[in-house]
């Protein structure tokens, strides 16, 4: 069922005609009046109910392209909501005492989204994402409200929430992978290519999430992984639970990238890190970091660096990767002032 709602002045008959595609039933709200139409555009029900939160707004001035886009959004929302509801039902059954049915696990894993990126920064890569709505990320975003140097205050994943379906899909990923610990055989069924980024959006939620990611890495030995994270305790605990105790024991097809929570200040590396990733406040601070030995990223497409953070050599010394903060001029000035103040304190 596709859901739409009319703005005042929108013609109902025209909206029905525009939304009828011969494939999907749909519902249109005028205020609190909902009319349900079959796939041929024939009204089958009329009732007085409040508009659904997933209903797509239809405006009087929408052209043919805008109407087609509204139809695509409604269809995508229907798909992701169906998955959300099914996952909620399965997780409720899974958490019931004594229930460990294999079919529940298999179906839950089938709801985990593996994205392929045909354009953008990580063009040519798959990704298995969490979401910035997870508890860890929300805690970090809240902390950023009191500290302008917290990078989570400039969260790209949260700021790009226009990608609503991706946001909801990644939220579902995080919920499933942080709740159910899958076996290696189960995770081996995920389809991945030569390169995969872990957490393009979001972060590692907890130990279970980290264990699942590590098992995905081990069961796909021909895929090179870049594992981005800030939640170091969760990743470290997951590594220990999977039996990794030193660098020599780590899978060779993964590079761990530890993102700094503070703009302009490199995080203290963990024992398993291959890279740290620091966002710097302006071009001058990026240049200083590069002069000191950092790898310059600056938002370039990963293919331009030949996927350095996925396939680079596992060196004894952890390398910093420097990226320029993407923000408005007023935000940059505010953040740079906070950066300079903190730097001055460190040199006192």
C-alpha atoms as a PDB file:
ATOM      1  CA  UNK A   1       0.000   0.000   0.000  1.00  0.00           C
ATOM      2  CA  UNK A   2       1.401   3.391  -1.026  1.00  0.00           C
ATOM      3  CA  UNK A   3       0.459   6.367   1.157  1.00  0.00           C
ATOM      4  CA  UNK A   4      -0.062   9.948  -0.024  1.00  0.00           C
ATOM      5  CA  UNK A   5      -1.610  13.090   1.460  1.00  0.00           C
ATOM      6  CA  UNK A   6      -2.917  16.157  -0.323  1.00  0.00           C
ATOM      7  CA  UNK A   7      -1.938  19.729   0.328  1.00  0.00           C
ATOM      8  CA  UNK A   8      -4.792  22.220   0.325  1.00  0.00           C
ATOM      9  CA  UNK A   9      -5.773  22.994  -3.239  1.00  0.00           C
ATOM     10  CA  UNK A  10      -4.578  19.738  -4.743  1.00  0.00           C
ATOM     11  CA  UNK A  11      -7.182  18.134  -6.994  1.00  0.00           C
ATOM     12  CA  UNK A  12      -8.106  14.640  -5.756  1.00  0.00           C
ATOM     13  CA  UNK A  13      -9.133  13.273  -9.151  1.00  0.00           C
ATOM     14  CA  UNK A  14      -5.880  14.441 -10.733  1.00  0.00           C
ATOM     15  CA  UNK A  15      -3.865  12.959  -7.866  1.00  0.00           C
ATOM     16  CA  UNK A  16      -5.625   9.604  -8.234  1.00  0.00           C
ATOM     17  CA  UNK A  17      -4.911   9.574 -11.939  1.00  0.00           C
ATOM     18  CA  UNK A  18      -1.255  10.485 -11.388  1.00  0.00           C
ATOM     19  CA  UNK A  19      -0.696   7.880  -8.673  1.00  0.00           C
ATOM     20  CA  UNK A  20      -2.414   4.940 -10.399  1.00  0.00           C
ATOM     21  CA  UNK A  21       0.209   2.675 -11.933  1.00  0.00           C
ATOM     22  CA  UNK A  22      -1.697  -0.568 -12.482  1.00  0.00           C
ATOM     23  CA  UNK A  23       0.558  -2.361  -9.962  1.00  0.00           C
ATOM     24  CA  UNK A  24       0.000  -1.011  -6.453  1.00  0.00           C
ATOM     25  CA  UNK A  25      -2.983  -0.183  -4.319  1.00  0.00           C
ATOM     26  CA  UNK A  26      -2.656   3.209  -2.631  1.00  0.00           C
ATOM     27  CA  UNK A  27      -4.282   5.503  -0.101  1.00  0.00           C
ATOM     28  CA  UNK A  28      -4.757   9.267  -0.311  1.00  0.00           C
ATOM     29  CA  UNK A  29      -5.599  11.492   2.641  1.00  0.00           C
ATOM     30  CA  UNK A  30      -7.526  14.756   2.454  1.00  0.00           C
ATOM     31  CA  UNK A  31      -7.110  15.956   6.006  1.00  0.00           C
ATOM     32  CA  UNK A  32      -8.285  13.028   8.128  1.00  0.00           C
ATOM     33  CA  UNK A  33     -10.317  11.442   5.337  1.00  0.00           C
ATOM     34  CA  UNK A  34      -8.524   8.470   3.803  1.00  0.00           C
ATOM     35  CA  UNK A  35      -9.606   6.964   0.494  1.00  0.00           C
ATOM     36  CA  UNK A  36      -8.129   3.629  -0.554  1.00  0.00           C
ATOM     37  CA  UNK A  37      -7.781   2.807  -4.264  1.00  0.00           C
ATOM     38  CA  UNK A  38      -6.963  -0.462  -5.982  1.00  0.00           C
ATOM     39  CA  UNK A  39      -4.245  -0.761  -8.602  1.00  0.00           C
ATOM     40  CA  UNK A  40      -6.697   0.393 -11.298  1.00  0.00           C
ATOM     41  CA  UNK A  41      -7.499   3.595  -9.410  1.00  0.00           C
ATOM     42  CA  UNK A  42     -10.961   2.511  -8.228  1.00  0.00           C
ATOM     43  CA  UNK A  43     -11.953   3.623  -4.714  1.00  0.00           C
ATOM     44  CA  UNK A  44     -12.515   0.612  -2.462  1.00  0.00           C
ATOM     45  CA  UNK A  45     -12.754   2.248   0.973  1.00  0.00           C
ATOM     46  CA  UNK A  46     -13.289   5.624   2.606  1.00  0.00           C
ATOM     47  CA  UNK A  47     -12.650   6.161   6.318  1.00  0.00           C
ATOM     48  CA  UNK A  48     -11.857   8.867   8.822  1.00  0.00           C
ATOM     49  CA  UNK A  49      -8.330   8.261  10.151  1.00  0.00           C
ATOM     50  CA  UNK A  50      -5.266  10.408  10.754  1.00  0.00           C
ATOM     51  CA  UNK A  51      -2.696  10.495   7.961  1.00  0.00           C
ATOM     52  CA  UNK A  52       0.089   7.917   8.248  1.00  0.00           C
ATOM     53  CA  UNK A  53       3.579   9.213   9.065  1.00  0.00           C
ATOM     54  CA  UNK A  54       4.879   7.612   5.845  1.00  0.00           C
ATOM     55  CA  UNK A  55       2.367   9.410   3.622  1.00  0.00           C
ATOM     56  CA  UNK A  56       4.079  11.442   0.879  1.00  0.00           C
ATOM     57  CA  UNK A  57       2.952  15.059   0.514  1.00  0.00           C
ATOM     58  CA  UNK A  58       1.380  15.901  -2.841  1.00  0.00           C
ATOM     59  CA  UNK A  59       1.376  19.596  -3.807  1.00  0.00           C
ATOM     60  CA  UNK A  60      -0.845  21.366  -6.352  1.00  0.00           C
ATOM     61  CA  UNK A  61       2.161  22.598  -8.360  1.00  0.00           C
ATOM     62  CA  UNK A  62       3.878  19.224  -8.826  1.00  0.00           C
ATOM     63  CA  UNK A  63       4.912  18.474 -12.403  1.00  0.00           C
ATOM     64  CA  UNK A  64       5.093  15.000 -13.950  1.00  0.00           C
ATOM     65  CA  UNK A  65       8.681  14.405 -12.739  1.00  0.00           C
ATOM     66  CA  UNK A  66       7.804  15.437  -9.175  1.00  0.00           C
ATOM     67  CA  UNK A  67       4.794  13.135  -9.187  1.00  0.00           C
ATOM     68  CA  UNK A  68       6.883  10.217 -10.413  1.00  0.00           C
ATOM     69  CA  UNK A  69       9.425  10.940  -7.691  1.00  0.00           C
ATOM     70  CA  UNK A  70       6.642  11.009  -5.076  1.00  0.00           C
ATOM     71  CA  UNK A  71       5.550   7.595  -6.313  1.00  0.00           C
ATOM     72  CA  UNK A  72       9.102   6.244  -6.012  1.00  0.00           C
ATOM     73  CA  UNK A  73       9.445   7.621  -2.471  1.00  0.00           C
ATOM     74  CA  UNK A  74       6.130   6.093  -1.441  1.00  0.00           C
ATOM     75  CA  UNK A  75       7.140   2.719  -2.893  1.00  0.00           C
ATOM     76  CA  UNK A  76      10.528   2.844  -1.118  1.00  0.00           C
ATOM     77  CA  UNK A  77       8.855   3.744   2.185  1.00  0.00           C
ATOM     78  CA  UNK A  78       6.459   0.839   1.788  1.00  0.00           C
ATOM     79  CA  UNK A  79       9.360  -1.559   1.196  1.00  0.00           C
ATOM     80  CA  UNK A  80      11.435  -0.405   4.159  1.00  0.00           C
ATOM     81  CA  UNK A  81       8.427  -0.286   6.486  1.00  0.00           C
ATOM     82  CA  UNK A  82       7.526  -3.860   5.560  1.00  0.00           C
ATOM     83  CA  UNK A  83      11.083  -4.887   6.483  1.00  0.00           C
ATOM     84  CA  UNK A  84      10.976  -2.884   9.733  1.00  0.00           C
ATOM     85  CA  UNK A  85       7.741  -4.542  10.824  1.00  0.00           C
ATOM     86  CA  UNK A  86       8.928  -8.014   9.864  1.00  0.00           C
ATOM     87  CA  UNK A  87      12.231  -7.518  11.700  1.00  0.00           C
ATOM     88  CA  UNK A  88      10.391  -6.318  14.813  1.00  0.00           C
ATOM     89  CA  UNK A  89       8.207  -9.440  14.762  1.00  0.00           C
ATOM     90  CA  UNK A  90      11.194 -11.751  14.216  1.00  0.00           C
ATOM     91  CA  UNK A  91      13.274 -10.115  16.942  1.00  0.00           C
ATOM     92  CA  UNK A  92      10.355 -10.407  19.354  1.00  0.00           C
ATOM     93  CA  UNK A  93      10.126 -14.134  18.583  1.00  0.00           C
ATOM     94  CA  UNK A  94      13.894 -14.536  18.760  1.00  0.00           C
ATOM     95  CA  UNK A  95      14.093 -12.961  22.214  1.00  0.00           C
ATOM     96  CA  UNK A  96      11.333 -15.197  23.584  1.00  0.00           C
ATOM     97  CA  UNK A  97      12.792 -17.730  26.067  1.00  0.00           C
ATOM     98  CA  UNK A  98      13.634 -21.048  24.438  1.00  0.00           C
ATOM     99  CA  UNK A  99      13.142 -19.884  20.840  1.00  0.00           C
ATOM    100  CA  UNK A 100      16.269 -20.318  18.662  1.00  0.00           C
ATOM    101  CA  UNK A 101      14.713 -21.378  15.374  1.00  0.00           C
ATOM    102  CA  UNK A 102      17.062 -21.349  12.402  1.00  0.00           C
ATOM    103  CA  UNK A 103      14.463 -19.908  10.038  1.00  0.00           C
ATOM    104  CA  UNK A 104      14.155 -16.793  12.231  1.00  0.00           C
ATOM    105  CA  UNK A 105      17.901 -16.242  12.044  1.00  0.00           C
ATOM    106  CA  UNK A 106      18.000 -16.799   8.285  1.00  0.00           C
ATOM    107  CA  UNK A 107      15.156 -14.389   7.652  1.00  0.00           C
ATOM    108  CA  UNK A 108      16.657 -11.746   9.936  1.00  0.00           C
ATOM    109  CA  UNK A 109      19.955 -11.991   8.053  1.00  0.00           C
ATOM    110  CA  UNK A 110      18.092 -11.627   4.759  1.00  0.00           C
ATOM    111  CA  UNK A 111      16.876  -8.217   6.006  1.00  0.00           C
ATOM    112  CA  UNK A 112      20.450  -6.949   6.477  1.00  0.00           C
ATOM    113  CA  UNK A 113      21.269  -4.556   3.653  1.00  0.00           C
ATOM    114  CA  UNK A 114      24.580  -4.738   1.791  1.00  0.00           C
ATOM    115  CA  UNK A 115      24.841  -1.606  -0.344  1.00  0.00           C
ATOM    116  CA  UNK A 116      26.825  -1.182  -3.553  1.00  0.00           C
ATOM    117  CA  UNK A 117      28.136   2.301  -4.381  1.00  0.00           C
ATOM    118  CA  UNK A 118      28.281   3.029  -8.107  1.00  0.00           C
ATOM    119  CA  UNK A 119      29.231   6.677  -7.507  1.00  0.00           C
ATOM    120  CA  UNK A 120      30.441   8.999  -4.755  1.00  0.00           C
ATOM    121  CA  UNK A 121      33.427   8.831  -2.413  1.00  0.00           C
ATOM    122  CA  UNK A 122      33.475   5.037  -2.082  1.00  0.00           C
ATOM    123  CA  UNK A 123      32.621   4.290  -5.699  1.00  0.00           C
ATOM    124  CA  UNK A 124      33.254   0.639  -6.495  1.00  0.00           C
ATOM    125  CA  UNK A 125      32.758  -0.557  -2.910  1.00  0.00           C
ATOM    126  CA  UNK A 126      30.077  -2.421  -1.067  1.00  0.00           C
ATOM    127  CA  UNK A 127      29.243  -1.287   2.455  1.00  0.00           C
ATOM    128  CA  UNK A 128      27.672  -2.801   5.545  1.00  0.00           C
ATOM    129  CA  UNK A 129      26.382   0.143   7.530  1.00  0.00           C
ATOM    130  CA  UNK A 130      25.120   0.964  10.966  1.00  0.00           C
ATOM    131  CA  UNK A 131      23.318   4.217  11.602  1.00  0.00           C
ATOM    132  CA  UNK A 132      23.816   7.499  13.428  1.00  0.00           C
ATOM    133  CA  UNK A 133      20.564   6.842  15.287  1.00  0.00           C
ATOM    134  CA  UNK A 134      22.195   4.072  17.372  1.00  0.00           C
ATOM    135  CA  UNK A 135      22.707   4.633  21.104  1.00  0.00           C
ATOM    136  CA  UNK A 136      26.455   5.226  20.813  1.00  0.00           C
ATOM    137  CA  UNK A 137      26.092   7.789  18.016  1.00  0.00           C
ATOM    138  CA  UNK A 138      23.257   9.614  19.771  1.00  0.00           C
ATOM    139  CA  UNK A 139      25.396   9.855  22.911  1.00  0.00           C
ATOM    140  CA  UNK A 140      28.252  11.338  20.867  1.00  0.00           C
ATOM    141  CA  UNK A 141      25.958  13.770  19.037  1.00  0.00           C
ATOM    142  CA  UNK A 142      24.529  14.924  22.384  1.00  0.00           C
ATOM    143  CA  UNK A 143      28.065  15.488  23.727  1.00  0.00           C
ATOM    144  CA  UNK A 144      28.818  17.594  20.644  1.00  0.00           C
ATOM    145  CA  UNK A 145      26.175  20.050  21.822  1.00  0.00           C
ATOM    146  CA  UNK A 146      28.596  21.068  24.586  1.00  0.00           C
ATOM    147  CA  UNK A 147      31.861  20.798  22.647  1.00  0.00           C
ATOM    148  CA  UNK A 148      32.249  22.412  19.202  1.00  0.00           C
ATOM    149  CA  UNK A 149      35.293  20.221  18.498  1.00  0.00           C
ATOM    150  CA  UNK A 150      33.281  16.992  18.589  1.00  0.00           C
ATOM    151  CA  UNK A 151      33.119  15.781  14.986  1.00  0.00           C
ATOM    152  CA  UNK A 152      29.775  14.125  15.692  1.00  0.00           C
ATOM    153  CA  UNK A 153      28.254  17.613  15.749  1.00  0.00           C
ATOM    154  CA  UNK A 154      29.043  17.713  12.021  1.00  0.00           C
ATOM    155  CA  UNK A 155      27.889  14.130  11.387  1.00  0.00           C
ATOM    156  CA  UNK A 156      27.569  13.537   7.654  1.00  0.00           C
ATOM    157  CA  UNK A 157      25.273  10.569   8.146  1.00  0.00           C
ATOM    158  CA  UNK A 158      22.873  12.569  10.312  1.00  0.00           C
ATOM    159  CA  UNK A 159      23.106  15.614   8.066  1.00  0.00           C
ATOM    160  CA  UNK A 160      22.395  13.467   5.024  1.00  0.00           C
ATOM    161  CA  UNK A 161      19.158  12.173   6.517  1.00  0.00           C
ATOM    162  CA  UNK A 162      17.504  13.231   3.241  1.00  0.00           C
ATOM    163  CA  UNK A 163      18.564   9.727   2.287  1.00  0.00           C
ATOM    164  CA  UNK A 164      15.639   8.627   4.423  1.00  0.00           C
ATOM    165  CA  UNK A 165      15.380   5.101   3.105  1.00  0.00           C
ATOM    166  CA  UNK A 166      19.117   4.504   3.550  1.00  0.00           C
ATOM    167  CA  UNK A 167      18.850   5.933   7.084  1.00  0.00           C
ATOM    168  CA  UNK A 168      16.029   3.562   7.989  1.00  0.00           C
ATOM    169  CA  UNK A 169      17.700   0.616   6.265  1.00  0.00           C
ATOM    170  CA  UNK A 170      20.968   1.219   8.119  1.00  0.00           C
ATOM    171  CA  UNK A 171      19.079   1.567  11.402  1.00  0.00           C
ATOM    172  CA  UNK A 172      17.586  -1.842  10.723  1.00  0.00           C
ATOM    173  CA  UNK A 173      21.080  -3.226   9.967  1.00  0.00           C
ATOM    174  CA  UNK A 174      22.395  -1.956  13.288  1.00  0.00           C
ATOM    175  CA  UNK A 175      19.442  -3.324  15.218  1.00  0.00           C
ATOM    176  CA  UNK A 176      19.734  -6.824  13.749  1.00  0.00           C
ATOM    177  CA  UNK A 177      23.537  -7.106  13.821  1.00  0.00           C
ATOM    178  CA  UNK A 178      23.768  -5.810  17.390  1.00  0.00           C
ATOM    179  CA  UNK A 179      21.089  -8.196  18.694  1.00  0.00           C
ATOM    180  CA  UNK A 180      21.635 -11.574  17.014  1.00  0.00           C
ATOM    181  CA  UNK A 181      25.069 -13.198  16.873  1.00  0.00           C
ATOM    182  CA  UNK A 182      25.139 -15.057  13.565  1.00  0.00           C
ATOM    183  CA  UNK A 183      27.341 -18.030  12.778  1.00  0.00           C
ATOM    184  CA  UNK A 184      30.191 -17.853  10.282  1.00  0.00           C
ATOM    185  CA  UNK A 185      28.270 -20.136   7.904  1.00  0.00           C
ATOM    186  CA  UNK A 186      25.247 -17.825   8.023  1.00  0.00           C
ATOM    187  CA  UNK A 187      27.294 -14.675   7.389  1.00  0.00           C
ATOM    188  CA  UNK A 188      29.189 -16.308   4.527  1.00  0.00           C
ATOM    189  CA  UNK A 189      25.959 -16.101   2.498  1.00  0.00           C
ATOM    190  CA  UNK A 190      26.167 -12.288   2.260  1.00  0.00           C
ATOM    191  CA  UNK A 191      27.128 -11.221  -1.267  1.00  0.00           C
ATOM    192  CA  UNK A 192      30.210  -8.962  -1.303  1.00  0.00           C
ATOM    193  CA  UNK A 193      32.641  -7.850  -3.979  1.00  0.00           C
ATOM    194  CA  UNK A 194      36.338  -7.022  -3.906  1.00  0.00           C
ATOM    195  CA  UNK A 195      36.036  -4.034  -1.533  1.00  0.00           C
ATOM    196  CA  UNK A 196      33.742  -3.358   1.400  1.00  0.00           C
ATOM    197  CA  UNK A 197      33.523  -0.482   3.860  1.00  0.00           C
ATOM    198  CA  UNK A 198      32.183  -1.153   7.317  1.00  0.00           C
ATOM    199  CA  UNK A 199      30.184   1.789   8.685  1.00  0.00           C
ATOM    200  CA  UNK A 200      30.029   4.289   5.873  1.00  0.00           C
ATOM    201  CA  UNK A 201      27.194   5.541   8.071  1.00  0.00           C
ATOM    202  CA  UNK A 202      26.966   5.052  11.823  1.00  0.00           C
ATOM    203  CA  UNK A 203      29.239   3.088  14.119  1.00  0.00           C
ATOM    204  CA  UNK A 204      29.679  -0.217  15.917  1.00  0.00           C
ATOM    205  CA  UNK A 205      26.859  -0.485  18.456  1.00  0.00           C
ATOM    206  CA  UNK A 206      28.161  -3.159  20.839  1.00  0.00           C
ATOM    207  CA  UNK A 207      30.232  -6.325  21.197  1.00  0.00           C
ATOM    208  CA  UNK A 208      27.722  -8.483  19.264  1.00  0.00           C
ATOM    209  CA  UNK A 209      27.774  -6.036  16.368  1.00  0.00           C
ATOM    210  CA  UNK A 210      31.602  -6.127  16.338  1.00  0.00           C
ATOM    211  CA  UNK A 211      31.639  -9.935  16.414  1.00  0.00           C
ATOM    212  CA  UNK A 212      29.252 -10.143  13.470  1.00  0.00           C
ATOM    213  CA  UNK A 213      31.413  -7.726  11.468  1.00  0.00           C
ATOM    214  CA  UNK A 214      34.558  -9.713  12.272  1.00  0.00           C
ATOM    215  CA  UNK A 215      32.858 -12.935  11.194  1.00  0.00           C
ATOM    216  CA  UNK A 216      31.777 -11.291   7.931  1.00  0.00           C
ATOM    217  CA  UNK A 217      35.411 -10.316   7.343  1.00  0.00           C
ATOM    218  CA  UNK A 218      36.732 -13.828   8.033  1.00  0.00           C
ATOM    219  CA  UNK A 219      34.116 -15.553   5.863  1.00  0.00           C
ATOM    220  CA  UNK A 220      34.903 -13.296   2.868  1.00  0.00           C
ATOM    221  CA  UNK A 221      38.692 -13.762   2.512  1.00  0.00           C
ATOM    222  CA  UNK A 222      38.736 -12.398  -1.057  1.00  0.00           C
ATOM    223  CA  UNK A 223      37.143  -9.091  -0.013  1.00  0.00           C
ATOM    224  CA  UNK A 224      39.287  -6.228   1.295  1.00  0.00           C
ATOM    225  CA  UNK A 225      37.584  -4.429   4.188  1.00  0.00           C
ATOM    226  CA  UNK A 226      38.024  -0.968   5.655  1.00  0.00           C
ATOM    227  CA  UNK A 227      36.528  -1.044   9.160  1.00  0.00           C
ATOM    228  CA  UNK A 228      35.771   2.518  10.310  1.00  0.00           C
ATOM    229  CA  UNK A 229      34.822   3.024  13.934  1.00  0.00           C
ATOM    230  CA  UNK A 230      34.859   5.367  16.943  1.00  0.00           C
ATOM    231  CA  UNK A 231      33.406   2.984  19.536  1.00  0.00           C
ATOM    232  CA  UNK A 232      36.759   1.460  20.483  1.00  0.00           C
ATOM    233  CA  UNK A 233      35.541  -0.467  23.579  1.00  0.00           C
ATOM    234  CA  UNK A 234      32.918  -2.336  21.513  1.00  0.00           C
ATOM    235  CA  UNK A 235      35.413  -3.277  18.781  1.00  0.00           C
ATOM    236  CA  UNK A 236      38.102  -4.283  21.292  1.00  0.00           C
ATOM    237  CA  UNK A 237      35.647  -6.447  23.238  1.00  0.00           C
ATOM    238  CA  UNK A 238      34.420  -8.049  20.018  1.00  0.00           C
ATOM    239  CA  UNK A 239      37.990  -8.845  18.970  1.00  0.00           C
ATOM    240  CA  UNK A 240      38.696 -10.469  22.329  1.00  0.00           C
ATOM    241  CA  UNK A 241      35.479 -12.508  22.129  1.00  0.00           C
ATOM    242  CA  UNK A 242      36.534 -13.770  18.690  1.00  0.00           C
ATOM    243  CA  UNK A 243      39.966 -14.774  19.987  1.00  0.00           C
ATOM    244  CA  UNK A 244      42.132 -11.986  18.549  1.00  0.00           C
ATOM    245  CA  UNK A 245      44.840 -10.993  20.999  1.00  0.00           C
ATOM    246  CA  UNK A 246      47.641  -9.427  18.928  1.00  0.00           C
ATOM    247  CA  UNK A 247      48.289  -7.892  15.511  1.00  0.00           C
ATOM    248  CA  UNK A 248      49.716 -11.111  14.110  1.00  0.00           C
ATOM    249  CA  UNK A 249      46.380 -12.866  14.673  1.00  0.00           C
ATOM    250  CA  UNK A 250      44.243 -10.246  12.872  1.00  0.00           C
ATOM    251  CA  UNK A 251      42.670 -11.162   9.516  1.00  0.00           C
ATOM    252  CA  UNK A 252      44.895  -9.907   6.694  1.00  0.00           C
ATOM    253  CA  UNK A 253      41.972  -8.704   4.562  1.00  0.00           C
ATOM    254  CA  UNK A 254      40.878  -5.892   6.933  1.00  0.00           C
ATOM    255  CA  UNK A 255      42.321  -2.511   7.841  1.00  0.00           C
ATOM    256  CA  UNK A 256      41.029  -0.899  11.031  1.00  0.00           C
ATOM    257  CA  UNK A 257      40.440   2.851  10.764  1.00  0.00           C
ATOM    258  CA  UNK A 258      39.960   4.569  14.128  1.00  0.00           C
ATOM    259  CA  UNK A 259      38.142   7.886  13.657  1.00  0.00           C
ATOM    260  CA  UNK A 260      38.933  10.689  16.076  1.00  0.00           C
ATOM    261  CA  UNK A 261      36.006  12.192  17.963  1.00  0.00           C
ATOM    262  CA  UNK A 262      37.782  15.572  18.143  1.00  0.00           C
ATOM    263  CA  UNK A 263      38.317  17.833  15.143  1.00  0.00           C
ATOM    264  CA  UNK A 264      42.017  18.467  14.631  1.00  0.00           C
ATOM    265  CA  UNK A 265      43.225  16.099  17.346  1.00  0.00           C
ATOM    266  CA  UNK A 266      44.391  12.612  16.478  1.00  0.00           C
ATOM    267  CA  UNK A 267      42.932   9.805  18.582  1.00  0.00           C
ATOM    268  CA  UNK A 268      45.240   7.577  20.617  1.00  0.00           C
ATOM    269  CA  UNK A 269      45.559   4.408  18.480  1.00  0.00           C
ATOM    270  CA  UNK A 270      44.403   1.028  19.773  1.00  0.00           C
ATOM    271  CA  UNK A 271      46.622  -2.036  19.455  1.00  0.00           C
ATOM    272  CA  UNK A 272      44.690  -3.303  16.442  1.00  0.00           C
ATOM    273  CA  UNK A 273      44.561  -0.044  14.452  1.00  0.00           C
ATOM    274  CA  UNK A 274      46.099   0.325  11.018  1.00  0.00           C
ATOM    275  CA  UNK A 275      45.063   3.945  10.574  1.00  0.00           C
ATOM    276  CA  UNK A 276      43.659   6.795  12.548  1.00  0.00           C
ATOM    277  CA  UNK A 277      41.328   9.184  10.733  1.00  0.00           C
ATOM    278  CA  UNK A 278      41.285  12.840  11.751  1.00  0.00           C
ATOM    279  CA  UNK A 279      39.137  15.628  10.368  1.00  0.00           C
ATOM    280  CA  UNK A 280      41.056  18.925  10.516  1.00  0.00           C
ATOM    281  CA  UNK A 281      39.414  22.355  10.804  1.00  0.00           C
ATOM    282  CA  UNK A 282      41.028  24.113   7.810  1.00  0.00           C
ATOM    283  CA  UNK A 283      43.477  23.683   4.930  1.00  0.00           C
ATOM    284  CA  UNK A 284      46.422  24.931   7.009  1.00  0.00           C
ATOM    285  CA  UNK A 285      45.935  22.292   9.728  1.00  0.00           C
ATOM    286  CA  UNK A 286      45.554  19.583   7.069  1.00  0.00           C
ATOM    287  CA  UNK A 287      48.838  20.710   5.506  1.00  0.00           C
ATOM    288  CA  UNK A 288      50.559  20.595   8.912  1.00  0.00           C
ATOM    289  CA  UNK A 289      49.313  17.035   9.475  1.00  0.00           C
ATOM    290  CA  UNK A 290      50.461  15.914   6.015  1.00  0.00           C
ATOM    291  CA  UNK A 291      53.876  17.498   6.586  1.00  0.00           C
ATOM    292  CA  UNK A 292      54.089  15.472   9.818  1.00  0.00           C
ATOM    293  CA  UNK A 293      53.437  12.220   7.931  1.00  0.00           C
ATOM    294  CA  UNK A 294      49.644  11.953   7.588  1.00  0.00           C
ATOM    295  CA  UNK A 295      48.021  10.472   4.484  1.00  0.00           C
ATOM    296  CA  UNK A 296      46.014  13.183   2.748  1.00  0.00           C
ATOM    297  CA  UNK A 297      42.407  12.210   2.050  1.00  0.00           C
ATOM    298  CA  UNK A 298      40.474  15.502   1.912  1.00  0.00           C
ATOM    299  CA  UNK A 299      37.297  13.832   0.731  1.00  0.00           C
ATOM    300  CA  UNK A 300      38.768  12.448  -2.486  1.00  0.00           C
ATOM    301  CA  UNK A 301      37.223   9.352  -3.951  1.00  0.00           C
ATOM    302  CA  UNK A 302      38.833   6.246  -2.532  1.00  0.00           C
ATOM    303  CA  UNK A 303      39.742   4.998  -6.005  1.00  0.00           C
ATOM    304  CA  UNK A 304      42.005   8.058  -6.421  1.00  0.00           C
ATOM    305  CA  UNK A 305      44.042   6.751  -3.474  1.00  0.00           C
ATOM    306  CA  UNK A 306      43.842   3.219  -4.901  1.00  0.00           C
ATOM    307  CA  UNK A 307      41.726   2.242  -1.884  1.00  0.00           C
ATOM    308  CA  UNK A 308      44.621   2.917   0.478  1.00  0.00           C
ATOM    309  CA  UNK A 309      42.530   2.448   3.652  1.00  0.00           C
ATOM    310  CA  UNK A 310      41.385  -0.988   2.453  1.00  0.00           C
ATOM    311  CA  UNK A 311      44.480  -2.518   0.907  1.00  0.00           C
ATOM    312  CA  UNK A 312      47.448  -0.518   2.211  1.00  0.00           C
ATOM    313  CA  UNK A 313      50.294  -2.427   3.878  1.00  0.00           C
ATOM    314  CA  UNK A 314      49.868  -3.346   7.528  1.00  0.00           C
ATOM    315  CA  UNK A 315      52.693  -1.208   8.888  1.00  0.00           C
ATOM    316  CA  UNK A 316      54.088  -1.383  12.408  1.00  0.00           C
ATOM    317  CA  UNK A 317      53.376   2.338  12.841  1.00  0.00           C
ATOM    318  CA  UNK A 318      49.773   3.540  12.723  1.00  0.00           C
ATOM    319  CA  UNK A 319      49.289   6.142   9.961  1.00  0.00           C
ATOM    320  CA  UNK A 320      47.006   9.149  10.383  1.00  0.00           C
ATOM    321  CA  UNK A 321      44.638  10.010   7.537  1.00  0.00           C
ATOM    322  CA  UNK A 322      43.788  13.707   7.227  1.00  0.00           C
ATOM    323  CA  UNK A 323      40.524  15.072   5.884  1.00  0.00           C
ATOM    324  CA  UNK A 324      39.336  18.685   5.659  1.00  0.00           C
ATOM    325  CA  UNK A 325      36.168  19.479   7.604  1.00  0.00           C
ATOM    326  CA  UNK A 326      33.179  20.106   5.358  1.00  0.00           C
ATOM    327  CA  UNK A 327      31.066  22.873   6.872  1.00  0.00           C
ATOM    328  CA  UNK A 328      29.865  26.458   6.457  1.00  0.00           C
ATOM    329  CA  UNK A 329      32.181  29.453   6.901  1.00  0.00           C
ATOM    330  CA  UNK A 330      30.589  30.523  10.220  1.00  0.00           C
ATOM    331  CA  UNK A 331      30.874  26.967  11.593  1.00  0.00           C
ATOM    332  CA  UNK A 332      34.493  26.732  10.452  1.00  0.00           C
ATOM    333  CA  UNK A 333      35.361  29.992  12.188  1.00  0.00           C
ATOM    334  CA  UNK A 334      33.708  28.830  15.417  1.00  0.00           C
ATOM    335  CA  UNK A 335      35.392  25.412  15.321  1.00  0.00           C
ATOM    336  CA  UNK A 336      38.779  26.880  14.421  1.00  0.00           C
ATOM    337  CA  UNK A 337      38.552  29.255  17.398  1.00  0.00           C
ATOM    338  CA  UNK A 338      37.843  26.311  19.706  1.00  0.00           C
ATOM    339  CA  UNK A 339      40.708  24.360  18.113  1.00  0.00           C
ATOM    340  CA  UNK A 340      43.196  27.213  18.624  1.00  0.00           C
ATOM    341  CA  UNK A 341      42.056  27.650  22.236  1.00  0.00           C
ATOM    342  CA  UNK A 342      42.587  23.961  22.978  1.00  0.00           C
ATOM    343  CA  UNK A 343      45.966  23.986  21.235  1.00  0.00           C
ATOM    344  CA  UNK A 344      47.037  26.965  23.345  1.00  0.00           C
ATOM    345  CA  UNK A 345      46.064  25.099  26.521  1.00  0.00           C
ATOM    346  CA  UNK A 346      48.167  22.104  25.479  1.00  0.00           C
ATOM    347  CA  UNK A 347      51.269  24.244  24.961  1.00  0.00           C
ATOM    348  CA  UNK A 348      50.987  26.003  28.331  1.00  0.00           C
END
